[in-house]
């Protein structure tokens, strides 16, 4: 994993240039940045835009379905509306009467699709969609697991006993961090009782989302903790009581008191 830190202004400049997947290779050459880092930032941008535009696109589905019936492919429609290809195909096929279960089967087993047009076009969107296709989702899962495995190895090396999210699952708390320490550690004088691993880049939008959905609730349940963004953070990270925001440099610099 590649860790970087950017001023918000510089990060926004990179973020706003990642309009298409093809921009990753171009920016990597122009800026000398790792493709994996740019893929992570592109992924965050694409998911946010898809979330923001979802209902706007959904409201256009009758029009999109009509366009498709007249010969325009799923992928061409996705390109026109700058919306993820797999999600575009999902909305149109559901409007045409294919159930969620039926669409899921098409995604997982495109070779078994009997309708020739569906088969051709689903194969295309699955090849083009680097985020919402099964292959794209697997890449994201593996990236997350790699970060958690690296952090666990570090905790074990430091002889820091802990319980994992899997150990805690099924207990009284519905929200659980990746690692709950058996005994707190201190980072620059701040107490840390849990550590959360994030295989993402910590820009202000990502940090605020994580604080609201996970990190602040963790402080209410378990006390103060730390979140580690494997691909770096903006330099102007917010100061939040009970939550330390770190990048992988933390693993090299921290030593037991």
Protein backbone atom coordinates (compact mmCIF):
# COMPACT_ATOMS: atom_id res chain seq x y z
CA UNK A 1 0.00 0.00 0.00
CA UNK A 2 1.20 3.51 -0.77
CA UNK A 3 0.91 6.21 1.87
CA UNK A 4 0.83 9.89 0.93
CA UNK A 5 -0.14 13.13 2.60
CA UNK A 6 -1.51 16.12 0.72
CA UNK A 7 -2.69 19.56 1.56
CA UNK A 8 -6.44 19.74 0.95
CA UNK A 9 -5.89 22.05 -2.03
CA UNK A 10 -3.50 19.59 -3.68
CA UNK A 11 -5.70 16.60 -2.89
CA UNK A 12 -8.74 18.32 -4.39
CA UNK A 13 -6.79 19.03 -7.57
CA UNK A 14 -5.97 15.31 -7.95
CA UNK A 15 -9.48 14.24 -6.92
CA UNK A 16 -11.17 16.49 -9.47
CA UNK A 17 -9.00 15.18 -12.32
CA UNK A 18 -10.00 11.54 -11.72
CA UNK A 19 -13.14 11.66 -13.84
CA UNK A 20 -12.54 8.37 -15.65
CA UNK A 21 -10.66 5.19 -14.90
CA UNK A 22 -8.29 6.04 -17.75
CA UNK A 23 -7.22 9.18 -15.84
CA UNK A 24 -5.37 6.98 -13.33
CA UNK A 25 -2.60 6.00 -15.76
CA UNK A 26 -2.28 9.55 -17.11
CA UNK A 27 -2.01 11.17 -13.68
CA UNK A 28 0.40 8.51 -12.48
CA UNK A 29 2.77 9.50 -15.28
CA UNK A 30 2.21 13.25 -14.91
CA UNK A 31 2.42 13.44 -11.13
CA UNK A 32 4.63 10.46 -10.31
CA UNK A 33 1.99 8.97 -8.01
CA UNK A 34 1.35 5.22 -7.57
CA UNK A 35 -1.55 3.83 -9.57
CA UNK A 36 -2.93 2.03 -6.51
CA UNK A 37 -3.17 5.31 -4.59
CA UNK A 38 -4.93 6.97 -7.51
CA UNK A 39 -7.26 3.98 -7.86
CA UNK A 40 -8.23 4.35 -4.19
CA UNK A 41 -8.98 8.06 -4.64
CA UNK A 42 -10.83 7.39 -7.90
CA UNK A 43 -12.90 4.71 -6.13
CA UNK A 44 -13.87 7.07 -3.33
CA UNK A 45 -14.85 9.77 -5.83
CA UNK A 46 -16.87 7.35 -7.98
CA UNK A 47 -18.76 5.82 -5.05
CA UNK A 48 -19.64 9.25 -3.66
CA UNK A 49 -20.86 10.46 -7.04
CA UNK A 50 -22.89 7.27 -7.61
CA UNK A 51 -24.49 7.65 -4.18
CA UNK A 52 -25.28 11.29 -4.84
CA UNK A 53 -26.69 10.65 -8.34
CA UNK A 54 -28.49 7.36 -7.68
CA UNK A 55 -32.05 8.63 -7.33
CA UNK A 56 -31.59 11.20 -10.09
CA UNK A 57 -30.63 8.36 -12.45
CA UNK A 58 -33.34 6.09 -11.05
CA UNK A 59 -35.96 8.70 -11.92
CA UNK A 60 -34.72 8.59 -15.51
CA UNK A 61 -34.99 4.79 -15.78
CA UNK A 62 -38.11 4.72 -18.02
CA UNK A 63 -36.26 7.00 -20.45
CA UNK A 64 -33.07 4.92 -20.17
CA UNK A 65 -34.97 1.69 -20.75
CA UNK A 66 -36.58 3.16 -23.84
CA UNK A 67 -33.16 4.23 -25.10
CA UNK A 68 -31.89 0.70 -24.51
CA UNK A 69 -34.83 -0.82 -26.40
CA UNK A 70 -33.84 1.32 -29.40
CA UNK A 71 -30.36 -0.21 -29.48
CA UNK A 72 -28.14 1.78 -27.15
CA UNK A 73 -26.15 -0.56 -24.91
CA UNK A 74 -25.99 -0.55 -21.11
CA UNK A 75 -22.39 0.64 -21.27
CA UNK A 76 -23.13 3.43 -23.74
CA UNK A 77 -25.93 4.68 -21.49
CA UNK A 78 -23.64 4.50 -18.45
CA UNK A 79 -21.01 6.53 -20.30
CA UNK A 80 -23.53 9.15 -21.37
CA UNK A 81 -24.79 9.71 -17.83
CA UNK A 82 -21.40 9.18 -16.14
CA UNK A 83 -22.82 6.45 -13.90
CA UNK A 84 -21.28 3.06 -12.99
CA UNK A 85 -22.02 0.49 -15.72
CA UNK A 86 -23.15 -2.33 -13.42
CA UNK A 87 -25.54 -0.01 -11.54
CA UNK A 88 -26.87 1.31 -14.85
CA UNK A 89 -27.59 -2.22 -16.07
CA UNK A 90 -29.18 -3.11 -12.73
CA UNK A 91 -31.65 -0.20 -12.82
CA UNK A 92 -32.63 -0.79 -16.46
CA UNK A 93 -33.06 -4.58 -16.17
CA UNK A 94 -35.14 -4.23 -13.01
CA UNK A 95 -37.40 -1.80 -14.86
CA UNK A 96 -37.67 -4.42 -17.62
CA UNK A 97 -38.87 -7.01 -15.12
CA UNK A 98 -35.73 -8.84 -14.03
CA UNK A 99 -35.66 -9.40 -10.27
CA UNK A 100 -32.76 -8.47 -8.00
CA UNK A 101 -32.02 -12.18 -7.63
CA UNK A 102 -32.12 -12.63 -11.39
CA UNK A 103 -29.76 -9.72 -11.96
CA UNK A 104 -27.41 -11.02 -9.30
CA UNK A 105 -27.26 -14.33 -11.14
CA UNK A 106 -26.48 -12.51 -14.38
CA UNK A 107 -23.62 -10.70 -12.68
CA UNK A 108 -22.15 -13.84 -11.15
CA UNK A 109 -22.68 -16.12 -14.15
CA UNK A 110 -22.73 -14.02 -17.34
CA UNK A 111 -21.73 -17.06 -19.44
CA UNK A 112 -25.04 -18.72 -18.54
CA UNK A 113 -27.24 -15.84 -19.73
CA UNK A 114 -29.49 -17.21 -22.45
CA UNK A 115 -30.55 -13.91 -24.03
CA UNK A 116 -27.80 -13.03 -26.53
CA UNK A 117 -28.04 -9.26 -26.10
CA UNK A 118 -28.09 -9.45 -22.31
CA UNK A 119 -25.11 -11.79 -22.40
CA UNK A 120 -23.05 -9.52 -24.63
CA UNK A 121 -23.87 -6.33 -22.80
CA UNK A 122 -23.53 -7.75 -19.27
CA UNK A 123 -20.13 -9.14 -20.22
CA UNK A 124 -19.14 -5.68 -21.39
CA UNK A 125 -20.27 -3.81 -18.26
CA UNK A 126 -18.60 -6.37 -16.00
CA UNK A 127 -15.34 -5.87 -17.87
CA UNK A 128 -15.59 -2.07 -17.81
CA UNK A 129 -16.79 -1.54 -14.21
CA UNK A 130 -13.72 -1.63 -11.96
CA UNK A 131 -15.72 -0.98 -8.79
CA UNK A 132 -19.15 -2.61 -8.84
CA UNK A 133 -18.28 -5.79 -10.73
CA UNK A 134 -17.49 -8.91 -8.64
CA UNK A 135 -13.83 -8.55 -9.61
CA UNK A 136 -13.78 -4.90 -8.59
CA UNK A 137 -15.47 -5.60 -5.27
CA UNK A 138 -13.00 -8.42 -4.58
CA UNK A 139 -10.07 -6.03 -5.11
CA UNK A 140 -11.54 -3.70 -2.49
CA UNK A 141 -12.13 -6.55 -0.04
CA UNK A 142 -8.57 -7.83 -0.45
CA UNK A 143 -7.20 -4.32 0.07
CA UNK A 144 -9.10 -4.02 3.34
CA UNK A 145 -8.00 -7.46 4.54
CA UNK A 146 -4.39 -6.67 3.71
CA UNK A 147 -4.51 -3.58 5.90
CA UNK A 148 -6.08 -5.48 8.79
CA UNK A 149 -3.53 -8.31 8.49
CA UNK A 150 -0.63 -5.84 8.50
CA UNK A 151 -2.01 -4.08 11.57
CA UNK A 152 -2.56 -7.38 13.38
CA UNK A 153 1.02 -8.44 12.64
CA UNK A 154 2.23 -5.12 14.09
CA UNK A 155 0.14 -5.57 17.25
CA UNK A 156 1.49 -9.10 17.68
CA UNK A 157 5.07 -7.93 17.16
CA UNK A 158 4.57 -5.26 19.83
CA UNK A 159 3.03 -7.90 22.15
CA UNK A 160 -0.17 -5.89 22.36
CA UNK A 161 -2.95 -8.30 23.26
CA UNK A 162 -6.23 -7.56 21.57
CA UNK A 163 -9.54 -8.85 20.35
CA UNK A 164 -10.52 -8.58 16.70
CA UNK A 165 -13.82 -7.51 15.22
CA UNK A 166 -14.54 -11.19 14.60
CA UNK A 167 -13.87 -12.01 18.27
CA UNK A 168 -16.28 -9.27 19.34
CA UNK A 169 -19.03 -10.09 16.84
CA UNK A 170 -22.21 -11.39 18.43
CA UNK A 171 -21.63 -9.58 21.71
CA UNK A 172 -23.68 -6.81 23.26
CA UNK A 173 -22.26 -4.08 21.01
CA UNK A 174 -23.47 -3.88 17.42
CA UNK A 175 -20.60 -1.58 16.42
CA UNK A 176 -17.12 -2.97 17.01
CA UNK A 177 -13.67 -1.69 15.95
CA UNK A 178 -11.21 -3.84 14.03
CA UNK A 179 -9.02 -4.23 17.12
CA UNK A 180 -9.96 -3.69 20.77
CA UNK A 181 -6.86 -3.60 22.97
CA UNK A 182 -6.86 -5.59 26.20
CA UNK A 183 -4.88 -2.77 27.82
CA UNK A 184 -4.68 0.81 26.55
CA UNK A 185 -1.59 2.29 24.94
CA UNK A 186 -0.58 5.94 24.85
CA UNK A 187 0.22 7.82 21.66
CA UNK A 188 1.87 11.19 22.26
CA UNK A 189 0.17 11.26 25.63
CA UNK A 190 -3.30 10.32 24.34
CA UNK A 191 -4.92 7.11 25.52
CA UNK A 192 -5.86 4.57 22.85
CA UNK A 193 -8.14 1.62 23.61
CA UNK A 194 -8.99 0.52 20.06
CA UNK A 195 -7.62 0.81 16.53
CA UNK A 196 -9.59 0.93 13.28
CA UNK A 197 -7.96 0.06 9.94
CA UNK A 198 -9.07 1.95 6.81
CA UNK A 199 -7.73 0.95 3.39
CA UNK A 200 -8.67 4.34 2.01
CA UNK A 201 -7.38 7.90 1.80
CA UNK A 202 -8.43 10.14 4.66
CA UNK A 203 -9.70 13.29 3.00
CA UNK A 204 -12.16 15.46 4.91
CA UNK A 205 -15.25 13.78 3.41
CA UNK A 206 -13.99 10.28 4.24
CA UNK A 207 -12.94 11.27 7.74
CA UNK A 208 -16.26 12.97 8.55
CA UNK A 209 -18.22 9.97 7.23
CA UNK A 210 -16.17 7.53 9.30
CA UNK A 211 -16.42 9.71 12.40
CA UNK A 212 -20.19 9.83 12.17
CA UNK A 213 -20.83 6.19 11.25
CA UNK A 214 -18.16 4.41 13.28
CA UNK A 215 -15.45 6.27 15.13
CA UNK A 216 -17.44 8.55 17.43
CA UNK A 217 -19.80 5.66 18.34
CA UNK A 218 -16.69 3.60 19.22
CA UNK A 219 -15.59 6.30 21.67
CA UNK A 220 -18.99 6.15 23.33
CA UNK A 221 -18.79 2.36 23.66
CA UNK A 222 -15.11 1.69 24.28
CA UNK A 223 -13.40 5.00 25.04
CA UNK A 224 -10.72 6.80 23.01
CA UNK A 225 -9.08 5.19 20.00
CA UNK A 226 -7.16 5.58 16.77
CA UNK A 227 -8.00 5.27 13.08
CA UNK A 228 -5.26 4.37 10.61
CA UNK A 229 -5.67 5.42 6.96
CA UNK A 230 -3.34 3.17 4.95
CA UNK A 231 -3.16 5.44 1.91
CA UNK A 232 -2.53 8.62 3.87
CA UNK A 233 -4.51 11.66 4.91
CA UNK A 234 -4.83 15.33 4.19
CA UNK A 235 -2.42 17.35 6.30
CA UNK A 236 -5.26 19.39 7.84
CA UNK A 237 -6.96 16.51 9.66
CA UNK A 238 -9.67 17.62 12.10
CA UNK A 239 -9.06 17.47 15.83
CA UNK A 240 -11.68 15.19 17.36
CA UNK A 241 -11.83 14.37 21.07
CA UNK A 242 -11.20 10.67 21.61
CA UNK A 243 -10.11 9.88 18.02
CA UNK A 244 -6.53 10.05 16.78
CA UNK A 245 -6.20 10.16 12.98
CA UNK A 246 -2.98 8.54 11.74
CA UNK A 247 -1.22 7.27 8.62
CA UNK A 248 1.18 4.27 8.47
CA UNK A 249 4.10 6.36 9.78
CA UNK A 250 2.52 5.73 13.17
CA UNK A 251 3.54 2.06 13.00
CA UNK A 252 7.20 3.02 12.58
CA UNK A 253 7.29 5.78 15.18
CA UNK A 254 5.30 4.35 18.10
CA UNK A 255 7.13 2.60 20.89
CA UNK A 256 5.74 1.45 24.24
CA UNK A 257 6.12 4.07 26.94
